[in-house]
């Protein structure tokens, strides 16, 4: 799956490649390319949080993914370090109704990633 968000002068391309039901490789391309993988086998919830990560232009809201694990191939902006310390992806996974997020985790667990006990 490839997602492109473009609002001049910025363009972000995110390519997600499924390794298996719980593991995904991601190429996040903005000014630079950041390559990482996410393991959702112990994902317990998803939430939107306000944040101040000290990353300058980081968005005001981030996404928490408790139980998810991230491994980076390269990390030019410290995203892996932030994720590993806080469990927060510094960008918001857009959803017009954040109340739907718990259902998304249930759907993902039922249909893609049965997961592992915590």
PDB file of N, CA and C in Angstrom:
ATOM      1  N   UNK A   1       0.852  -1.160   0.000  1.00  0.00           N
ATOM      2  CA  UNK A   1       0.000   0.000   0.000  1.00  0.00           C
ATOM      3  C   UNK A   1       0.896   1.220   0.000  1.00  0.00           C
ATOM      4  N   UNK A   2       0.549   2.203  -0.794  1.00  0.00           N
ATOM      5  CA  UNK A   2       1.274   3.470  -0.818  1.00  0.00           C
ATOM      6  C   UNK A   2       0.275   4.597  -0.600  1.00  0.00           C
ATOM      7  N   UNK A   3       0.631   5.502   0.323  1.00  0.00           N
ATOM      8  CA  UNK A   3      -0.195   6.660   0.651  1.00  0.00           C
ATOM      9  C   UNK A   3       0.632   7.904   0.357  1.00  0.00           C
ATOM     10  N   UNK A   4       0.061   8.841  -0.391  1.00  0.00           N
ATOM     11  CA  UNK A   4       0.754  10.085  -0.716  1.00  0.00           C
ATOM     12  C   UNK A   4      -0.079  11.240  -0.189  1.00  0.00           C
ATOM     13  N   UNK A   5       0.558  12.097   0.620  1.00  0.00           N
ATOM     14  CA  UNK A   5      -0.085  13.309   1.125  1.00  0.00           C
ATOM     15  C   UNK A   5       0.717  14.483   0.587  1.00  0.00           C
ATOM     16  N   UNK A   6       0.046  15.358  -0.131  1.00  0.00           N
ATOM     17  CA  UNK A   6       0.765  16.478  -0.719  1.00  0.00           C
ATOM     18  C   UNK A   6       0.012  17.766  -0.447  1.00  0.00           C
ATOM     19  N   UNK A   7       0.702  18.669   0.210  1.00  0.00           N
ATOM     20  CA  UNK A   7       0.199  20.015   0.433  1.00  0.00           C
ATOM     21  C   UNK A   7       1.399  20.910   0.202  1.00  0.00           C
ATOM     22  N   UNK A   8       1.445  21.563  -0.952  1.00  0.00           N
ATOM     23  CA  UNK A   8       2.627  22.328  -1.360  1.00  0.00           C
ATOM     24  C   UNK A   8       3.101  23.236  -0.239  1.00  0.00           C
ATOM     25  N   UNK A   9       4.380  23.289   0.021  1.00  0.00           N
ATOM     26  CA  UNK A   9       5.477  22.693  -0.741  1.00  0.00           C
ATOM     27  C   UNK A   9       5.871  21.301  -0.262  1.00  0.00           C
ATOM     28  N   UNK A  10       5.141  20.715   0.671  1.00  0.00           N
ATOM     29  CA  UNK A  10       5.533  19.431   1.258  1.00  0.00           C
ATOM     30  C   UNK A  10       4.834  18.260   0.574  1.00  0.00           C
ATOM     31  N   UNK A  11       5.534  17.143   0.535  1.00  0.00           N
ATOM     32  CA  UNK A  11       4.965  15.905   0.020  1.00  0.00           C
ATOM     33  C   UNK A  11       5.514  14.767   0.870  1.00  0.00           C
ATOM     34  N   UNK A  12       4.627  13.904   1.331  1.00  0.00           N
ATOM     35  CA  UNK A  12       5.016  12.734   2.117  1.00  0.00           C
ATOM     36  C   UNK A  12       4.469  11.502   1.412  1.00  0.00           C
ATOM     37  N   UNK A  13       5.312  10.503   1.236  1.00  0.00           N
ATOM     38  CA  UNK A  13       4.897   9.231   0.662  1.00  0.00           C
ATOM     39  C   UNK A  13       5.221   8.137   1.672  1.00  0.00           C
ATOM     40  N   UNK A  14       4.217   7.343   1.994  1.00  0.00           N
ATOM     41  CA  UNK A  14       4.398   6.244   2.931  1.00  0.00           C
ATOM     42  C   UNK A  14       4.049   4.956   2.195  1.00  0.00           C
ATOM     43  N   UNK A  15       5.008   4.046   2.125  1.00  0.00           N
ATOM     44  CA  UNK A  15       4.778   2.752   1.495  1.00  0.00           C
ATOM     45  C   UNK A  15       4.863   1.678   2.564  1.00  0.00           C
ATOM     46  N   UNK A  16       3.799   0.892   2.682  1.00  0.00           N
ATOM     47  CA  UNK A  16       3.717  -0.171   3.678  1.00  0.00           C
ATOM     48  C   UNK A  16       3.724  -1.503   2.944  1.00  0.00           C
ATOM     49  N   UNK A  17       4.642  -2.384   3.349  1.00  0.00           N
ATOM     50  CA  UNK A  17       4.738  -3.711   2.762  1.00  0.00           C
ATOM     51  C   UNK A  17       4.496  -4.736   3.864  1.00  0.00           C
ATOM     52  N   UNK A  18       3.528  -5.601   3.651  1.00  0.00           N
ATOM     53  CA  UNK A  18       3.185  -6.617   4.641  1.00  0.00           C
ATOM     54  C   UNK A  18       4.186  -7.763   4.583  1.00  0.00           C
ATOM     55  N   UNK A  19       4.810  -8.060   5.729  1.00  0.00           N
ATOM     56  CA  UNK A  19       5.686  -9.227   5.836  1.00  0.00           C
ATOM     57  C   UNK A  19       4.863 -10.439   6.240  1.00  0.00           C
ATOM     58  N   UNK A  20       3.990 -10.247   7.212  1.00  0.00           N
ATOM     59  CA  UNK A  20       2.986 -11.234   7.631  1.00  0.00           C
ATOM     60  C   UNK A  20       1.886 -10.438   8.329  1.00  0.00           C
ATOM     61  N   UNK A  21       0.924 -11.098   8.924  1.00  0.00           N
ATOM     62  CA  UNK A  21      -0.221 -10.413   9.507  1.00  0.00           C
ATOM     63  C   UNK A  21       0.112  -9.419  10.607  1.00  0.00           C
ATOM     64  N   UNK A  22       1.248  -9.584  11.258  1.00  0.00           N
ATOM     65  CA  UNK A  22       1.623  -8.713  12.375  1.00  0.00           C
ATOM     66  C   UNK A  22       2.803  -7.800  12.086  1.00  0.00           C
ATOM     67  N   UNK A  23       3.548  -8.067  11.046  1.00  0.00           N
ATOM     68  CA  UNK A  23       4.791  -7.345  10.780  1.00  0.00           C
ATOM     69  C   UNK A  23       4.751  -6.639   9.431  1.00  0.00           C
ATOM     70  N   UNK A  24       5.152  -5.349   9.459  1.00  0.00           N
ATOM     71  CA  UNK A  24       5.068  -4.510   8.276  1.00  0.00           C
ATOM     72  C   UNK A  24       6.346  -3.684   8.124  1.00  0.00           C
ATOM     73  N   UNK A  25       6.847  -3.597   6.887  1.00  0.00           N
ATOM     74  CA  UNK A  25       7.985  -2.739   6.570  1.00  0.00           C
ATOM     75  C   UNK A  25       7.430  -1.423   6.033  1.00  0.00           C
ATOM     76  N   UNK A  26       8.020  -0.314   6.462  1.00  0.00           N
ATOM     77  CA  UNK A  26       7.533   0.999   6.065  1.00  0.00           C
ATOM     78  C   UNK A  26       8.674   1.848   5.527  1.00  0.00           C
ATOM     79  N   UNK A  27       8.429   2.476   4.385  1.00  0.00           N
ATOM     80  CA  UNK A  27       9.313   3.508   3.849  1.00  0.00           C
ATOM     81  C   UNK A  27       8.549   4.816   3.988  1.00  0.00           C
ATOM     82  N   UNK A  28       9.086   5.731   4.780  1.00  0.00           N
ATOM     83  CA  UNK A  28       8.478   7.028   5.042  1.00  0.00           C
ATOM     84  C   UNK A  28       9.357   8.064   4.359  1.00  0.00           C
ATOM     85  N   UNK A  29       8.858   8.658   3.270  1.00  0.00           N
ATOM     86  CA  UNK A  29       9.669   9.578   2.465  1.00  0.00           C
ATOM     87  C   UNK A  29       9.091  10.981   2.575  1.00  0.00           C
ATOM     88  N   UNK A  30       9.889  11.884   3.114  1.00  0.00           N
ATOM     89  CA  UNK A  30       9.554  13.311   3.132  1.00  0.00           C
ATOM     90  C   UNK A  30      10.773  14.006   2.544  1.00  0.00           C
ATOM     91  N   UNK A  31      11.509  14.735   3.346  1.00  0.00           N
ATOM     92  CA  UNK A  31      12.769  15.303   2.848  1.00  0.00           C
ATOM     93  C   UNK A  31      13.810  14.205   2.696  1.00  0.00           C
ATOM     94  N   UNK A  32      13.757  13.220   3.565  1.00  0.00           N
ATOM     95  CA  UNK A  32      14.657  12.071   3.538  1.00  0.00           C
ATOM     96  C   UNK A  32      13.809  10.808   3.624  1.00  0.00           C
ATOM     97  N   UNK A  33      14.431   9.675   3.382  1.00  0.00           N
ATOM     98  CA  UNK A  33      13.730   8.401   3.503  1.00  0.00           C
ATOM     99  C   UNK A  33      14.083   7.767   4.840  1.00  0.00           C
ATOM    100  N   UNK A  34      13.064   7.387   5.578  1.00  0.00           N
ATOM    101  CA  UNK A  34      13.245   6.664   6.829  1.00  0.00           C
ATOM    102  C   UNK A  34      12.630   5.285   6.629  1.00  0.00           C
ATOM    103  N   UNK A  35      13.426   4.247   6.838  1.00  0.00           N
ATOM    104  CA  UNK A  35      12.934   2.879   6.674  1.00  0.00           C
ATOM    105  C   UNK A  35      12.878   2.212   8.040  1.00  0.00           C
ATOM    106  N   UNK A  36      11.723   1.603   8.331  1.00  0.00           N
ATOM    107  CA  UNK A  36      11.576   0.912   9.610  1.00  0.00           C
ATOM    108  C   UNK A  36      10.553  -0.197   9.472  1.00  0.00           C
ATOM    109  N   UNK A  37      10.448  -0.997  10.505  1.00  0.00           N
ATOM    110  CA  UNK A  37       9.426  -2.037  10.524  1.00  0.00           C
ATOM    111  C   UNK A  37       8.675  -1.950  11.841  1.00  0.00           C
ATOM    112  N   UNK A  38       7.417  -2.355  11.793  1.00  0.00           N
ATOM    113  CA  UNK A  38       6.571  -2.383  12.982  1.00  0.00           C
ATOM    114  C   UNK A  38       6.052  -3.791  13.191  1.00  0.00           C
ATOM    115  N   UNK A  39       6.117  -4.217  14.438  1.00  0.00           N
ATOM    116  CA  UNK A  39       5.598  -5.516  14.857  1.00  0.00           C
ATOM    117  C   UNK A  39       4.403  -5.230  15.765  1.00  0.00           C
ATOM    118  N   UNK A  40       3.223  -5.610  15.319  1.00  0.00           N
ATOM    119  CA  UNK A  40       1.991  -5.357  16.059  1.00  0.00           C
ATOM    120  C   UNK A  40       1.514  -6.575  16.847  1.00  0.00           C
ATOM    121  N   UNK A  41       2.345  -7.598  17.001  1.00  0.00           N
ATOM    122  CA  UNK A  41       1.888  -8.836  17.639  1.00  0.00           C
ATOM    123  C   UNK A  41       1.459  -8.638  19.093  1.00  0.00           C
ATOM    124  N   UNK A  42       1.926  -7.582  19.756  1.00  0.00           N
ATOM    125  CA  UNK A  42       1.514  -7.320  21.141  1.00  0.00           C
ATOM    126  C   UNK A  42       0.770  -5.989  21.272  1.00  0.00           C
ATOM    127  N   UNK A  43       0.270  -5.467  20.158  1.00  0.00           N
ATOM    128  CA  UNK A  43      -0.483  -4.218  20.182  1.00  0.00           C
ATOM    129  C   UNK A  43      -1.712  -4.370  21.068  1.00  0.00           C
ATOM    130  N   UNK A  44      -1.893  -3.423  21.990  1.00  0.00           N
ATOM    131  CA  UNK A  44      -3.044  -3.522  22.898  1.00  0.00           C
ATOM    132  C   UNK A  44      -4.089  -2.439  22.649  1.00  0.00           C
ATOM    133  N   UNK A  45      -3.688  -1.301  22.089  1.00  0.00           N
ATOM    134  CA  UNK A  45      -4.642  -0.223  21.840  1.00  0.00           C
ATOM    135  C   UNK A  45      -4.006   0.804  20.906  1.00  0.00           C
ATOM    136  N   UNK A  46      -4.812   1.774  20.504  1.00  0.00           N
ATOM    137  CA  UNK A  46      -4.346   2.893  19.686  1.00  0.00           C
ATOM    138  C   UNK A  46      -5.026   4.130  20.242  1.00  0.00           C
ATOM    139  N   UNK A  47      -4.301   5.228  20.326  1.00  0.00           N
ATOM    140  CA  UNK A  47      -4.902   6.458  20.823  1.00  0.00           C
ATOM    141  C   UNK A  47      -4.211   7.680  20.252  1.00  0.00           C
ATOM    142  N   UNK A  48      -4.904   8.809  20.293  1.00  0.00           N
ATOM    143  CA  UNK A  48      -4.355  10.089  19.857  1.00  0.00           C
ATOM    144  C   UNK A  48      -4.005  10.875  21.117  1.00  0.00           C
ATOM    145  N   UNK A  49      -2.796  11.448  21.160  1.00  0.00           N
ATOM    146  CA  UNK A  49      -2.346  12.191  22.327  1.00  0.00           C
ATOM    147  C   UNK A  49      -1.754  13.535  21.909  1.00  0.00           C
ATOM    148  N   UNK A  50      -1.826  14.506  22.824  1.00  0.00           N
ATOM    149  CA  UNK A  50      -1.105  15.749  22.612  1.00  0.00           C
ATOM    150  C   UNK A  50       0.337  15.481  22.966  1.00  0.00           C
ATOM    151  N   UNK A  51       1.252  16.158  22.280  1.00  0.00           N
ATOM    152  CA  UNK A  51       2.659  15.858  22.509  1.00  0.00           C
ATOM    153  C   UNK A  51       3.526  17.103  22.385  1.00  0.00           C
ATOM    154  N   UNK A  52       4.642  17.047  23.058  1.00  0.00           N
ATOM    155  CA  UNK A  52       5.714  18.012  22.871  1.00  0.00           C
ATOM    156  C   UNK A  52       6.984  17.182  22.943  1.00  0.00           C
ATOM    157  N   UNK A  53       7.437  16.718  21.786  1.00  0.00           N
ATOM    158  CA  UNK A  53       8.562  15.795  21.732  1.00  0.00           C
ATOM    159  C   UNK A  53       9.902  16.493  21.603  1.00  0.00           C
ATOM    160  N   UNK A  54       9.881  17.829  21.599  1.00  0.00           N
ATOM    161  CA  UNK A  54      11.131  18.547  21.444  1.00  0.00           C
ATOM    162  C   UNK A  54      11.766  18.323  20.091  1.00  0.00           C
ATOM    163  N   UNK A  55      10.943  18.065  19.087  1.00  0.00           N
ATOM    164  CA  UNK A  55      11.455  17.787  17.740  1.00  0.00           C
ATOM    165  C   UNK A  55      11.198  18.961  16.802  1.00  0.00           C
ATOM    166  N   UNK A  56      11.094  20.157  17.334  1.00  0.00           N
ATOM    167  CA  UNK A  56      10.907  21.315  16.474  1.00  0.00           C
ATOM    168  C   UNK A  56       9.548  21.345  15.825  1.00  0.00           C
ATOM    169  N   UNK A  57       9.477  20.910  14.588  1.00  0.00           N
ATOM    170  CA  UNK A  57       8.247  21.009  13.805  1.00  0.00           C
ATOM    171  C   UNK A  57       7.333  19.803  13.955  1.00  0.00           C
ATOM    172  N   UNK A  58       7.530  18.998  15.001  1.00  0.00           N
ATOM    173  CA  UNK A  58       6.665  17.831  15.183  1.00  0.00           C
ATOM    174  C   UNK A  58       5.221  18.286  15.384  1.00  0.00           C
ATOM    175  N   UNK A  59       4.277  17.543  14.831  1.00  0.00           N
ATOM    176  CA  UNK A  59       2.865  17.908  14.980  1.00  0.00           C
ATOM    177  C   UNK A  59       2.437  17.922  16.447  1.00  0.00           C
ATOM    178  N   UNK A  60       1.367  18.652  16.711  1.00  0.00           N
ATOM    179  CA  UNK A  60       0.842  18.778  18.072  1.00  0.00           C
ATOM    180  C   UNK A  60       0.279  17.460  18.591  1.00  0.00           C
ATOM    181  N   UNK A  61      -0.212  16.608  17.703  1.00  0.00           N
ATOM    182  CA  UNK A  61      -0.813  15.339  18.109  1.00  0.00           C
ATOM    183  C   UNK A  61      -0.005  14.164  17.572  1.00  0.00           C
ATOM    184  N   UNK A  62       0.069  13.123  18.373  1.00  0.00           N
ATOM    185  CA  UNK A  62       0.731  11.894  17.965  1.00  0.00           C
ATOM    186  C   UNK A  62      -0.196  10.718  18.181  1.00  0.00           C
ATOM    187  N   UNK A  63       0.283   9.535  17.849  1.00  0.00           N
ATOM    188  CA  UNK A  63      -0.504   8.317  17.970  1.00  0.00           C
ATOM    189  C   UNK A  63       0.223   7.340  18.883  1.00  0.00           C
ATOM    190  N   UNK A  64      -0.434   6.908  19.946  1.00  0.00           N
ATOM    191  CA  UNK A  64       0.166   5.903  20.817  1.00  0.00           C
ATOM    192  C   UNK A  64      -0.207   4.521  20.301  1.00  0.00           C
ATOM    193  N   UNK A  65       0.752   3.616  20.346  1.00  0.00           N
ATOM    194  CA  UNK A  65       0.563   2.240  19.892  1.00  0.00           C
ATOM    195  C   UNK A  65       1.155   1.306  20.948  1.00  0.00           C
ATOM    196  N   UNK A  66       0.557   1.259  22.158  1.00  0.00           N
ATOM    197  CA  UNK A  66       1.118   0.421  23.218  1.00  0.00           C
ATOM    198  C   UNK A  66       1.251  -1.038  22.794  1.00  0.00           C
ATOM    199  N   UNK A  67       2.420  -1.595  23.049  1.00  0.00           N
ATOM    200  CA  UNK A  67       2.695  -2.987  22.714  1.00  0.00           C
ATOM    201  C   UNK A  67       3.350  -3.179  21.361  1.00  0.00           C
ATOM    202  N   UNK A  68       3.234  -2.194  20.458  1.00  0.00           N
ATOM    203  CA  UNK A  68       3.883  -2.299  19.144  1.00  0.00           C
ATOM    204  C   UNK A  68       5.384  -2.112  19.325  1.00  0.00           C
ATOM    205  N   UNK A  69       6.152  -2.772  18.474  1.00  0.00           N
ATOM    206  CA  UNK A  69       7.610  -2.629  18.516  1.00  0.00           C
ATOM    207  C   UNK A  69       8.105  -2.140  17.170  1.00  0.00           C
ATOM    208  N   UNK A  70       9.090  -1.247  17.217  1.00  0.00           N
ATOM    209  CA  UNK A  70       9.639  -0.663  16.006  1.00  0.00           C
ATOM    210  C   UNK A  70      11.131  -0.958  15.918  1.00  0.00           C
ATOM    211  N   UNK A  71      11.569  -1.301  14.715  1.00  0.00           N
ATOM    212  CA  UNK A  71      12.999  -1.463  14.435  1.00  0.00           C
ATOM    213  C   UNK A  71      13.308  -0.610  13.211  1.00  0.00           C
ATOM    214  N   UNK A  72      14.409   0.142  13.281  1.00  0.00           N
ATOM    215  CA  UNK A  72      14.750   1.050  12.177  1.00  0.00           C
ATOM    216  C   UNK A  72      15.980   0.599  11.422  1.00  0.00           C
ATOM    217  N   UNK A  73      15.942   0.789  10.103  1.00  0.00           N
ATOM    218  CA  UNK A  73      17.107   0.574   9.254  1.00  0.00           C
ATOM    219  C   UNK A  73      17.956   1.836   9.222  1.00  0.00           C
ATOM    220  N   UNK A  74      17.307   2.989   9.237  1.00  0.00           N
ATOM    221  CA  UNK A  74      17.980   4.277   9.352  1.00  0.00           C
ATOM    222  C   UNK A  74      17.026   5.207  10.088  1.00  0.00           C
ATOM    223  N   UNK A  75      17.552   6.176  10.788  1.00  0.00           N
ATOM    224  CA  UNK A  75      16.705   6.994  11.648  1.00  0.00           C
ATOM    225  C   UNK A  75      17.245   8.419  11.695  1.00  0.00           C
ATOM    226  N   UNK A  76      17.119   9.120  10.603  1.00  0.00           N
ATOM    227  CA  UNK A  76      17.692  10.461  10.477  1.00  0.00           C
ATOM    228  C   UNK A  76      17.089  11.466  11.453  1.00  0.00           C
ATOM    229  N   UNK A  77      15.856  11.284  11.853  1.00  0.00           N
ATOM    230  CA  UNK A  77      15.191  12.273  12.697  1.00  0.00           C
ATOM    231  C   UNK A  77      14.888  11.779  14.101  1.00  0.00           C
ATOM    232  N   UNK A  78      15.416  10.634  14.497  1.00  0.00           N
ATOM    233  CA  UNK A  78      15.189  10.134  15.839  1.00  0.00           C
ATOM    234  C   UNK A  78      13.809   9.553  16.073  1.00  0.00           C
ATOM    235  N   UNK A  79      13.067   9.234  14.999  1.00  0.00           N
ATOM    236  CA  UNK A  79      11.704   8.721  15.168  1.00  0.00           C
ATOM    237  C   UNK A  79      11.692   7.396  15.927  1.00  0.00           C
ATOM    238  N   UNK A  80      12.632   6.507  15.615  1.00  0.00           N
ATOM    239  CA  UNK A  80      12.680   5.226  16.322  1.00  0.00           C
ATOM    240  C   UNK A  80      12.987   5.438  17.790  1.00  0.00           C
ATOM    241  N   UNK A  81      13.935   6.309  18.061  1.00  0.00           N
ATOM    242  CA  UNK A  81      14.296   6.572  19.450  1.00  0.00           C
ATOM    243  C   UNK A  81      13.095   7.104  20.230  1.00  0.00           C
ATOM    244  N   UNK A  82      12.365   8.050  19.630  1.00  0.00           N
ATOM    245  CA  UNK A  82      11.168   8.592  20.273  1.00  0.00           C
ATOM    246  C   UNK A  82      10.147   7.487  20.482  1.00  0.00           C
ATOM    247  N   UNK A  83       9.907   6.679  19.455  1.00  0.00           N
ATOM    248  CA  UNK A  83       8.906   5.612  19.556  1.00  0.00           C
ATOM    249  C   UNK A  83       9.291   4.605  20.634  1.00  0.00           C
ATOM    250  N   UNK A  84      10.561   4.207  20.654  1.00  0.00           N
ATOM    251  CA  UNK A  84      11.002   3.205  21.613  1.00  0.00           C
ATOM    252  C   UNK A  84      10.937   3.722  23.050  1.00  0.00           C
ATOM    253  N   UNK A  85      11.135   5.018  23.260  1.00  0.00           N
ATOM    254  CA  UNK A  85      11.062   5.593  24.605  1.00  0.00           C
ATOM    255  C   UNK A  85       9.635   5.854  25.057  1.00  0.00           C
ATOM    256  N   UNK A  86       8.779   6.289  24.122  1.00  0.00           N
ATOM    257  CA  UNK A  86       7.451   6.762  24.511  1.00  0.00           C
ATOM    258  C   UNK A  86       6.302   5.885  24.037  1.00  0.00           C
ATOM    259  N   UNK A  87       6.555   5.004  23.053  1.00  0.00           N
ATOM    260  CA  UNK A  87       5.455   4.234  22.469  1.00  0.00           C
ATOM    261  C   UNK A  87       4.549   5.097  21.610  1.00  0.00           C
ATOM    262  N   UNK A  88       5.040   6.296  21.229  1.00  0.00           N
ATOM    263  CA  UNK A  88       4.233   7.235  20.452  1.00  0.00           C
ATOM    264  C   UNK A  88       4.845   7.466  19.086  1.00  0.00           C
ATOM    265  N   UNK A  89       4.039   7.294  18.060  1.00  0.00           N
ATOM    266  CA  UNK A  89       4.419   7.682  16.706  1.00  0.00           C
ATOM    267  C   UNK A  89       4.138   9.177  16.640  1.00  0.00           C
ATOM    268  N   UNK A  90       5.131   9.997  16.266  1.00  0.00           N
ATOM    269  CA  UNK A  90       4.958  11.449  16.407  1.00  0.00           C
ATOM    270  C   UNK A  90       4.023  12.101  15.403  1.00  0.00           C
ATOM    271  N   UNK A  91       3.308  11.318  14.650  1.00  0.00           N
ATOM    272  CA  UNK A  91       2.328  11.864  13.724  1.00  0.00           C
ATOM    273  C   UNK A  91       0.973  11.250  14.041  1.00  0.00           C
ATOM    274  N   UNK A  92      -0.070  11.976  13.740  1.00  0.00           N
ATOM    275  CA  UNK A  92      -1.418  11.490  14.034  1.00  0.00           C
ATOM    276  C   UNK A  92      -1.905  10.604  12.906  1.00  0.00           C
ATOM    277  N   UNK A  93      -2.419   9.424  13.261  1.00  0.00           N
ATOM    278  CA  UNK A  93      -3.124   8.596  12.292  1.00  0.00           C
ATOM    279  C   UNK A  93      -4.512   9.214  12.184  1.00  0.00           C
ATOM    280  N   UNK A  94      -4.781   9.831  11.075  1.00  0.00           N
ATOM    281  CA  UNK A  94      -6.017  10.595  10.928  1.00  0.00           C
ATOM    282  C   UNK A  94      -7.250   9.708  11.001  1.00  0.00           C
ATOM    283  N   UNK A  95      -8.178  10.143  11.788  1.00  0.00           N
ATOM    284  CA  UNK A  95      -9.487   9.513  11.869  1.00  0.00           C
ATOM    285  C   UNK A  95     -10.434  10.594  12.358  1.00  0.00           C
ATOM    286  N   UNK A  96     -11.463  10.850  11.610  1.00  0.00           N
ATOM    287  CA  UNK A  96     -12.375  11.930  11.989  1.00  0.00           C
ATOM    288  C   UNK A  96     -13.108  11.630  13.278  1.00  0.00           C
ATOM    289  N   UNK A  97     -13.138  10.372  13.677  1.00  0.00           N
ATOM    290  CA  UNK A  97     -13.801   9.981  14.916  1.00  0.00           C
ATOM    291  C   UNK A  97     -12.852   9.093  15.724  1.00  0.00           C
ATOM    292  N   UNK A  98     -12.000   9.697  16.591  1.00  0.00           N
ATOM    293  CA  UNK A  98     -11.051   8.894  17.364  1.00  0.00           C
ATOM    294  C   UNK A  98     -11.714   7.820  18.228  1.00  0.00           C
ATOM    295  N   UNK A  99     -13.004   7.956  18.494  1.00  0.00           N
ATOM    296  CA  UNK A  99     -13.727   6.940  19.249  1.00  0.00           C
ATOM    297  C   UNK A  99     -13.770   5.600  18.526  1.00  0.00           C
ATOM    298  N   UNK A 100     -13.484   5.611  17.219  1.00  0.00           N
ATOM    299  CA  UNK A 100     -13.466   4.359  16.437  1.00  0.00           C
ATOM    300  C   UNK A 100     -12.176   3.575  16.634  1.00  0.00           C
ATOM    301  N   UNK A 101     -11.144   4.186  17.191  1.00  0.00           N
ATOM    302  CA  UNK A 101      -9.835   3.533  17.277  1.00  0.00           C
ATOM    303  C   UNK A 101      -9.851   2.196  18.023  1.00  0.00           C
ATOM    304  N   UNK A 102     -10.539   2.053  19.165  1.00  0.00           N
ATOM    305  CA  UNK A 102     -10.554   0.728  19.799  1.00  0.00           C
ATOM    306  C   UNK A 102     -11.123  -0.364  18.895  1.00  0.00           C
ATOM    307  N   UNK A 103     -12.128  -0.023  18.106  1.00  0.00           N
ATOM    308  CA  UNK A 103     -12.704  -0.983  17.176  1.00  0.00           C
ATOM    309  C   UNK A 103     -11.740  -1.365  16.070  1.00  0.00           C
ATOM    310  N   UNK A 104     -10.874  -0.433  15.691  1.00  0.00           N
ATOM    311  CA  UNK A 104      -9.875  -0.717  14.669  1.00  0.00           C
ATOM    312  C   UNK A 104      -8.902  -1.778  15.166  1.00  0.00           C
ATOM    313  N   UNK A 105      -8.504  -1.667  16.433  1.00  0.00           N
ATOM    314  CA  UNK A 105      -7.590  -2.661  17.010  1.00  0.00           C
ATOM    315  C   UNK A 105      -8.270  -4.027  17.046  1.00  0.00           C
ATOM    316  N   UNK A 106      -9.529  -4.075  17.460  1.00  0.00           N
ATOM    317  CA  UNK A 106     -10.262  -5.338  17.491  1.00  0.00           C
ATOM    318  C   UNK A 106     -10.367  -5.940  16.093  1.00  0.00           C
ATOM    319  N   UNK A 107     -10.689  -5.123  15.109  1.00  0.00           N
ATOM    320  CA  UNK A 107     -10.794  -5.598  13.729  1.00  0.00           C
ATOM    321  C   UNK A 107      -9.449  -6.138  13.240  1.00  0.00           C
ATOM    322  N   UNK A 108      -8.390  -5.394  13.502  1.00  0.00           N
ATOM    323  CA  UNK A 108      -7.048  -5.812  13.090  1.00  0.00           C
ATOM    324  C   UNK A 108      -6.679  -7.136  13.743  1.00  0.00           C
ATOM    325  N   UNK A 109      -6.971  -7.278  15.043  1.00  0.00           N
ATOM    326  CA  UNK A 109      -6.667  -8.520  15.764  1.00  0.00           C
ATOM    327  C   UNK A 109      -7.473  -9.701  15.217  1.00  0.00           C
ATOM    328  N   UNK A 110      -8.712  -9.460  14.901  1.00  0.00           N
ATOM    329  CA  UNK A 110      -9.578 -10.532  14.422  1.00  0.00           C
ATOM    330  C   UNK A 110      -9.218 -10.974  13.012  1.00  0.00           C
ATOM    331  N   UNK A 111      -8.869 -10.031  12.149  1.00  0.00           N
ATOM    332  CA  UNK A 111      -8.686 -10.343  10.730  1.00  0.00           C
ATOM    333  C   UNK A 111      -7.264 -10.459  10.225  1.00  0.00           C
ATOM    334  N   UNK A 112      -6.289  -9.924  10.962  1.00  0.00           N
ATOM    335  CA  UNK A 112      -4.929  -9.920  10.438  1.00  0.00           C
ATOM    336  C   UNK A 112      -3.881 -10.479  11.401  1.00  0.00           C
ATOM    337  N   UNK A 113      -3.907 -10.032  12.640  1.00  0.00           N
ATOM    338  CA  UNK A 113      -2.833 -10.350  13.578  1.00  0.00           C
ATOM    339  C   UNK A 113      -3.423 -10.847  14.891  1.00  0.00           C
ATOM    340  N   UNK A 114      -3.467 -12.147  15.050  1.00  0.00           N
ATOM    341  CA  UNK A 114      -4.009 -12.725  16.281  1.00  0.00           C
ATOM    342  C   UNK A 114      -3.206 -12.294  17.491  1.00  0.00           C
ATOM    343  N   UNK A 115      -1.912 -11.992  17.275  1.00  0.00           N
ATOM    344  CA  UNK A 115      -1.070 -11.478  18.340  1.00  0.00           C
ATOM    345  C   UNK A 115      -0.508 -12.554  19.239  1.00  0.00           C
ATOM    346  N   UNK A 116       0.233 -12.077  20.231  1.00  0.00           N
ATOM    347  CA  UNK A 116       0.863 -12.933  21.215  1.00  0.00           C
ATOM    348  C   UNK A 116       0.472 -12.396  22.588  1.00  0.00           C
ATOM    349  N   UNK A 117       0.447 -13.269  23.589  1.00  0.00           N
ATOM    350  CA  UNK A 117       0.147 -12.772  24.935  1.00  0.00           C
ATOM    351  C   UNK A 117       1.213 -11.762  25.368  1.00  0.00           C
ATOM    352  N   UNK A 118       0.800 -10.760  26.128  1.00  0.00           N
ATOM    353  CA  UNK A 118       1.742  -9.741  26.619  1.00  0.00           C
ATOM    354  C   UNK A 118       2.695 -10.294  27.639  1.00  0.00           C
TER     355      UNK A 118
END
